[in-house]
Protein backbone atom coordinates (compact mmCIF):
# COMPACT_ATOMS: atom_id res chain seq x y z
CA MET A 1 86.55 91.69 87.68
CA PRO A 2 85.53 94.87 85.86
CA ASP A 3 88.10 97.33 84.57
CA LEU A 4 86.40 100.58 85.64
CA SER A 5 88.82 102.69 83.60
CA SER A 6 87.06 101.36 80.47
CA LEU A 7 83.53 102.26 81.69
CA THR A 8 81.23 103.57 78.91
CA PHE A 9 77.45 103.92 78.44
CA LEU A 10 75.22 102.80 75.58
CA TRP A 11 72.59 105.46 76.41
CA PRO A 12 74.69 108.24 78.01
CA LEU A 13 71.91 110.87 77.83
CA LEU A 14 70.00 108.94 80.47
CA LEU A 15 72.73 109.80 82.95
CA TYR A 16 70.89 113.10 83.36
CA SER A 17 68.31 111.12 85.30
CA CYS A 18 70.85 111.08 88.13
CA LEU A 19 69.97 114.74 88.72
CA ILE A 20 66.73 113.57 90.29
CA VAL A 21 68.64 112.21 93.29
CA PRO A 22 69.83 115.54 94.75
CA VAL A 23 66.36 117.02 94.05
CA LEU A 24 64.71 114.20 96.00
CA ALA A 25 67.30 114.54 98.77
CA VAL A 26 66.60 118.26 99.18
CA LEU A 27 62.84 117.63 99.15
CA TYR A 28 63.18 114.90 101.77
CA ALA A 29 65.31 117.10 104.03
CA TYR A 30 62.82 119.99 103.70
CA ARG A 31 59.80 117.89 104.57
CA THR A 32 61.30 115.77 107.36
CA LYS A 33 63.83 118.26 108.75
CA SER A 34 66.42 115.48 108.71
CA ILE A 35 69.32 114.20 106.65
CA PRO A 36 68.24 111.96 103.76
CA PRO A 37 69.15 108.22 104.16
CA VAL A 38 72.54 107.68 102.53
CA PHE A 39 71.87 104.12 101.38
CA LEU A 40 68.56 105.15 99.82
CA CYS A 41 70.20 107.98 97.87
CA LEU A 42 73.04 105.74 96.68
CA GLY A 43 70.57 103.04 95.65
CA ILE A 44 68.44 105.42 93.59
CA LEU A 45 71.60 106.88 92.04
CA LEU A 46 72.79 103.44 90.90
CA ILE A 47 69.38 102.63 89.44
CA CYS A 48 69.56 105.87 87.44
CA VAL A 49 73.07 104.93 86.26
CA ALA A 50 71.72 101.52 85.20
CA LEU A 51 69.20 103.28 82.92
CA ALA A 52 72.17 104.50 80.84
CA ARG A 53 73.24 100.86 80.23
CA PRO A 54 76.86 100.88 81.48
CA GLN A 55 79.42 98.56 79.92
CA THR A 56 83.02 97.83 80.78
CA VAL A 57 85.82 95.38 80.12
CA LEU A 58 85.44 92.24 82.22
CA MET A 59 88.48 90.09 82.98
CA THR A 60 87.72 86.42 83.47
CA PRO A 61 89.94 83.34 83.81
CA LEU A 62 90.78 81.57 80.58
CA ARG A 63 89.52 78.04 80.23
CA GLU A 64 92.83 76.92 78.72
CA ALA A 65 96.31 77.97 79.78
CA THR A 66 99.71 76.31 80.11
CA VAL A 67 102.50 76.60 82.67
CA MET A 68 105.96 75.04 82.37
CA LEU A 69 107.73 74.23 85.62
CA VAL A 70 111.50 74.41 85.15
CA LEU A 71 113.31 72.67 87.98
CA ASP A 72 117.04 73.12 88.57
CA THR A 73 118.61 69.68 89.11
CA SER A 74 122.25 70.77 89.19
CA GLY A 75 124.59 69.61 91.95
CA SER A 76 124.18 72.83 93.94
CA MET A 77 120.55 71.91 94.60
CA ARG A 78 121.68 69.26 97.09
CA ALA A 79 122.56 72.09 99.51
CA LYS A 80 120.69 71.92 102.81
CA ASP A 81 120.28 75.60 103.60
CA VAL A 82 116.62 74.90 102.74
CA LYS A 83 115.46 71.82 104.63
CA PRO A 84 115.52 68.95 103.98
CA SER A 85 117.42 70.08 100.87
CA ARG A 86 116.87 72.56 98.08
CA ILE A 87 115.80 69.91 95.58
CA GLU A 88 113.46 68.09 97.98
CA ALA A 89 111.80 71.33 99.07
CA ALA A 90 111.35 72.32 95.42
CA GLN A 91 109.79 68.94 94.60
CA LEU A 92 107.31 69.23 97.48
CA ALA A 93 106.35 72.74 96.44
CA ALA A 94 105.90 71.65 92.81
CA GLN A 95 103.63 68.84 93.99
CA LYS A 96 101.53 71.33 95.92
CA PHE A 97 101.31 73.54 92.86
CA ILE A 98 100.05 70.59 90.83
CA ASP A 99 97.58 69.64 93.58
CA GLY A 100 95.99 73.09 93.49
CA LYS A 101 95.99 73.68 89.75
CA PRO A 102 92.64 74.19 87.97
CA SER A 103 91.51 71.12 86.08
CA ARG A 104 91.88 72.83 82.68
CA LEU A 105 95.36 74.21 83.39
CA ARG A 106 98.02 72.26 81.50
CA VAL A 107 101.37 71.88 83.27
CA GLY A 108 104.66 70.59 81.92
CA LEU A 109 108.01 69.88 83.56
CA VAL A 110 111.54 70.63 82.36
CA THR A 111 114.63 69.58 84.33
CA VAL A 112 117.88 71.51 84.04
CA ALA A 113 121.46 70.51 84.81
CA GLY A 114 124.30 70.53 82.24
CA THR A 115 121.52 70.51 79.67
CA ALA A 116 117.73 70.60 79.81
CA ALA A 117 115.20 67.84 79.19
CA LEU A 118 111.44 67.83 78.79
CA ALA A 119 110.49 65.47 81.61
CA GLN A 120 106.77 65.85 80.96
CA ALA A 121 105.00 67.55 78.08
CA PRO A 122 102.17 69.91 79.08
CA THR A 123 99.25 67.89 80.36
CA GLU A 124 96.13 68.19 82.49
CA GLU A 125 96.83 64.79 84.11
CA ARG A 126 98.14 65.21 87.65
CA ASP A 127 99.33 61.58 87.94
CA ALA A 128 101.67 61.99 84.97
CA LEU A 129 103.16 65.10 86.57
CA TYR A 130 103.61 63.40 89.94
CA LYS A 131 105.43 60.53 88.25
CA ALA A 132 107.75 62.93 86.42
CA LEU A 133 108.67 64.53 89.75
CA GLU A 134 109.49 61.27 91.51
CA HIS A 135 113.05 60.64 90.31
CA LEU A 136 115.17 63.70 89.60
CA PRO A 137 118.86 62.77 89.85
CA LEU A 138 121.20 65.70 90.37
CA GLN A 139 123.83 66.16 87.67
CA TYR A 140 126.86 68.30 86.87
CA GLY A 141 126.48 71.76 85.38
CA SER A 142 123.67 74.32 85.18
CA ALA A 143 122.16 75.51 81.88
CA LEU A 144 119.22 77.63 82.98
CA GLY A 145 119.04 79.40 79.63
CA THR A 146 118.56 76.03 77.97
CA GLY A 147 115.75 75.28 80.42
CA ILE A 148 113.87 78.41 79.36
CA LEU A 149 114.53 77.59 75.69
CA VAL A 150 113.25 74.01 75.92
CA SER A 151 110.16 75.28 77.74
CA LEU A 152 109.46 77.79 74.99
CA GLU A 153 109.79 75.12 72.31
CA ALA A 154 107.29 72.94 74.20
CA LEU A 155 104.89 75.84 74.80
CA LEU A 156 104.99 77.23 71.26
CA PRO A 157 105.15 74.42 68.69
CA GLY A 158 105.12 75.86 65.20
CA SER A 159 106.52 79.21 66.33
CA GLY A 160 109.82 78.67 64.53
CA ILE A 161 111.89 78.28 67.72
CA ASP A 162 114.61 75.73 66.98
CA ALA A 163 116.07 74.87 70.37
CA GLN A 164 118.80 72.59 69.05
CA LYS A 165 120.04 75.20 66.58
CA ILE A 166 120.20 77.90 69.26
CA ILE A 167 122.07 75.55 71.62
CA ASN A 168 124.54 74.61 68.87
CA ASP A 169 125.09 78.26 67.92
CA ALA A 170 125.70 79.17 71.56
CA SER A 171 128.23 76.36 71.83
CA ASP A 172 129.99 77.44 68.63
CA MET A 173 130.24 81.03 69.84
CA GLY A 174 131.69 80.03 73.19
CA GLY A 175 128.41 80.04 75.08
CA ALA A 176 125.66 82.55 74.66
CA LYS A 177 127.17 85.23 72.45
CA LYS A 178 124.51 84.57 69.86
CA SER A 179 120.83 83.75 70.15
CA VAL A 180 118.56 82.84 67.28
CA ASP A 181 114.81 82.92 66.81
CA ALA A 182 113.70 80.77 63.89
CA GLY A 183 117.26 80.85 62.53
CA LYS A 184 117.56 84.66 62.92
CA SER A 185 119.09 86.96 65.48
CA LEU A 186 116.90 88.66 68.07
CA ASP A 187 117.58 91.98 66.30
CA GLU A 188 115.85 90.66 63.17
CA LYS A 189 112.40 90.10 64.66
CA LYS A 190 110.82 92.63 62.28
CA SER A 191 111.43 90.18 59.44
CA VAL A 192 109.75 87.17 61.04
CA THR A 193 107.01 85.54 59.04
CA PRO A 194 103.31 86.19 59.73
CA GLU A 195 102.98 82.59 60.93
CA VAL A 196 105.56 83.18 63.66
CA GLN A 197 103.97 86.45 64.68
CA ALA A 198 100.56 84.81 64.96
CA SER A 199 101.85 82.04 67.18
CA ALA A 200 103.67 84.52 69.40
CA SER A 201 100.41 86.05 70.61
CA ARG A 202 99.48 82.70 72.15
CA GLY A 203 102.16 83.25 74.77
CA ARG A 204 99.77 85.51 76.67
CA ASN A 205 98.06 82.34 77.92
CA MET A 206 101.33 80.74 78.99
CA ALA A 207 104.03 81.14 81.61
CA ILE A 208 107.25 79.57 82.81
CA VAL A 209 108.10 79.08 86.48
CA LEU A 210 111.86 78.72 86.96
CA MET A 211 112.93 77.22 90.32
CA SER A 212 116.66 77.57 90.90
CA ASP A 213 119.44 78.97 93.03
CA GLY A 214 120.34 81.19 90.07
CA GLN A 215 123.68 79.66 89.15
CA SER A 216 124.08 79.08 85.41
CA ASN A 217 127.35 78.20 83.73
CA MET A 218 126.47 76.37 80.53
CA GLY A 219 124.33 76.70 77.40
CA PRO A 220 122.73 79.79 75.86
CA GLU A 221 122.84 82.95 77.94
CA MET A 222 119.90 83.06 80.33
CA ARG A 223 119.19 86.75 79.69
CA LYS A 224 119.00 86.21 75.92
CA MET A 225 116.53 83.38 76.42
CA ALA A 226 114.45 85.65 78.64
CA GLU A 227 114.40 88.19 75.81
CA LEU A 228 113.23 85.44 73.46
CA ALA A 229 110.43 84.57 75.90
CA ALA A 230 109.46 88.23 76.16
CA SER A 231 109.27 88.51 72.37
CA HIS A 232 106.65 85.76 72.45
CA GLU A 233 104.85 87.39 75.41
CA VAL A 234 105.65 84.47 77.72
CA LYS A 235 106.31 85.54 81.30
CA VAL A 236 109.07 83.80 83.27
CA TYR A 237 108.39 83.81 87.00
CA THR A 238 111.54 83.01 88.96
CA VAL A 239 111.76 81.37 92.37
CA GLY A 240 115.07 81.70 94.19
CA ILE A 241 115.73 78.58 96.27
CA GLY A 242 118.40 78.93 98.93
CA THR A 243 119.93 81.59 101.15
CA PRO A 244 122.49 84.34 100.47
CA GLU A 245 124.84 82.65 102.94
CA GLY A 246 124.49 79.35 101.10
CA ASP A 247 125.78 75.97 102.17
CA VAL A 248 128.81 73.79 101.59
CA VAL A 249 128.25 70.87 99.21
CA HIS A 250 130.57 68.09 98.09
CA ILE A 251 130.68 67.57 94.33
CA GLN A 252 133.07 65.15 92.62
CA GLY A 253 135.41 65.08 95.61
CA ARG A 254 135.47 68.86 96.00
CA SER A 255 133.86 71.02 98.64
CA MET A 256 132.36 74.34 97.65
CA ARG A 257 129.96 76.90 99.06
CA VAL A 258 126.92 77.49 96.88
CA LYS A 259 124.92 80.66 97.44
CA LEU A 260 121.62 81.95 96.13
CA GLU A 261 122.32 84.29 93.19
CA GLU A 262 119.26 86.51 93.18
CA ASP A 263 120.35 89.19 90.72
CA ALA A 264 120.18 86.92 87.67
CA LEU A 265 116.75 85.57 88.64
CA LYS A 266 115.39 89.05 89.29
CA LYS A 267 116.61 90.19 85.87
CA ILE A 268 114.88 87.29 84.10
CA ALA A 269 111.58 88.15 85.75
CA GLU A 270 112.05 91.84 84.96
CA ILE A 271 112.75 91.23 81.25
CA THR A 272 109.57 89.18 80.85
CA GLN A 273 107.43 91.48 83.04
CA ALA A 274 106.92 88.74 85.59
CA GLU A 275 107.92 88.54 89.27
CA TYR A 276 110.74 87.14 91.38
CA PHE A 277 110.07 85.25 94.59
CA ARG A 278 112.63 84.32 97.21
CA ALA A 279 112.20 81.07 99.11
CA ASP A 280 114.79 80.62 101.84
CA SER A 281 112.90 77.91 103.73
CA ALA A 282 110.62 75.00 102.89
CA GLU A 283 107.66 76.85 104.42
CA GLY A 284 108.57 79.98 102.47
CA LEU A 285 108.72 78.00 99.24
CA LEU A 286 105.23 76.61 99.81
CA ALA A 287 103.98 80.14 100.49
CA VAL A 288 105.55 81.24 97.20
CA TYR A 289 103.50 78.68 95.34
CA ASP A 290 100.33 79.94 96.99
CA LYS A 291 101.13 83.41 95.67
CA LEU A 292 102.01 82.05 92.25
CA GLY A 293 98.61 80.40 92.04
CA TYR A 294 97.01 83.84 92.03
CA ARG A 295 99.51 85.31 89.57
CA LEU A 296 98.94 82.51 87.09
CA ARG A 297 95.18 82.96 86.74
CA PHE A 298 95.31 83.97 83.12
CA GLU A 299 92.61 86.41 82.13
CA LYS A 300 90.82 87.47 78.97
CA ARG A 301 89.33 90.88 78.34
CA ALA A 302 85.93 91.46 76.73
CA MET A 303 83.56 94.43 76.67
CA SER A 304 80.38 93.45 78.52
CA GLU A 305 77.24 95.26 79.61
CA ILE A 306 76.89 95.44 83.40
CA THR A 307 73.44 97.05 83.60
CA SER A 308 71.92 94.18 85.57
CA TYR A 309 74.70 94.22 88.17
CA VAL A 310 74.46 97.97 88.74
CA ALA A 311 70.66 97.84 88.94
CA LEU A 312 70.75 94.91 91.36
CA LEU A 313 73.20 96.71 93.65
CA GLY A 314 71.02 99.80 93.56
CA MET A 315 67.88 97.85 94.49
CA LEU A 316 69.71 96.09 97.33
CA LEU A 317 70.77 99.46 98.77
CA VAL A 318 67.20 100.77 98.52
CA LEU A 319 65.89 97.61 100.21
CA LEU A 320 68.54 97.90 102.93
CA SER A 321 67.54 101.50 103.59
CA MET A 322 63.83 100.64 103.79
CA THR A 323 64.49 97.68 106.09
CA ARG A 324 66.60 99.84 108.40
CA ASN A 325 63.92 102.54 108.59
CA PHE A 326 61.18 99.99 109.27
CA MET A 327 63.14 98.42 112.12
CA ARG A 328 63.94 101.78 113.70
CA PHE A 329 60.78 103.79 113.13
CA GLY A 330 58.12 101.25 112.16
CA ARG A 331 57.75 102.77 108.70
CA ILE A 332 59.52 102.30 105.38
CA ILE A 333 60.55 105.92 104.77
C-alpha cells in the first residue's frame, strides 16, 4: 500500500498542467450547456498528475519474518471456562495459525510453566511445529517473563541477551528486581556495543505471541522482559485465554479458582506497542488468530515511483466516461 503522506514529485512544475482541466471543463459546459462528465475530468486530472512523476513510500510484505508462539502450560490452563479446556483451545488455535502462515514465515514455539523451554526453534516447516504442539504436559508454576526472555534469545542470536544470566540474577534478587541486557541493567542501554545495537534493529521483522491467562508467579518480572523486548523493537502480542469469572481447578490435591488476569497482558502489549486480544471461547480464540494474521504481515518501506499506476487509473476513468457516453448518447463525448 502507498503511504500518501510521503507523496512527492520528480517533475513538480508539470503539476501546472492540471490547470488545463478546469479550462476544458468550462469550455465543455459553454459549448454543450451541460455539466462536464465527472469521470472524464478526474481521468484527465490524474493523467496530468502522472506527467509530474509522483513517487511515494510503498509498504510491502517482507519475504522473511519470524514469530515466536509462547504457550502457557501452567496448571491453570487446565481450566474449562474455555471449551474443551484453555490449553486444548490454545493448541487448536496455534495449529490454525501455523496452517495459515505464509510459506516464508518462520515460526517457533516456547512453552512456559515453572520455567520456559524452546519446544521448537524458528522454522518454516509446518510438520515440525505440529509435532511440537502434540504433547504439552501441564506443570506447576508460571514464569511468563521467562517465556518472553527465551523467545528473545531464540529470535536474536548474537544480540548479547543471556537468558540464563538474567534468570539467575532474578532468582538471586528474589524474583525480578533486576533485569540484565548483555550483562547490564536496562538503564545502561546507551553503553551497549555497536554489535548489539545493529542486531536490535532486526527485531522489526519479528514478533512474539503470548497465549496465557496472565498469571505469572515465577522467574524474571514479566514487565521488565517486555521492556527488554521493546528495546530490541520486538512486539509482544498477548492473547488472554479464559474468562474474568474463571473456573475451579484441582492442583496437587487443592481446589482453586483461576481467573483471567487481563491487566498484566494488556500492559505487556502496551509496552511493546503491540495489541492485546481477549479470547473467552474456543471460537473467539480462533477469531483472534485470524486478526493476528493481518497484524503480523511485516512490511518494509521504500520510496517508489507510481507514475504508471496514476496514469493507468486516469486512462481507465477516461475510458469509463467515453463508454458511458457512447451507451447513452451514441457518441463518445
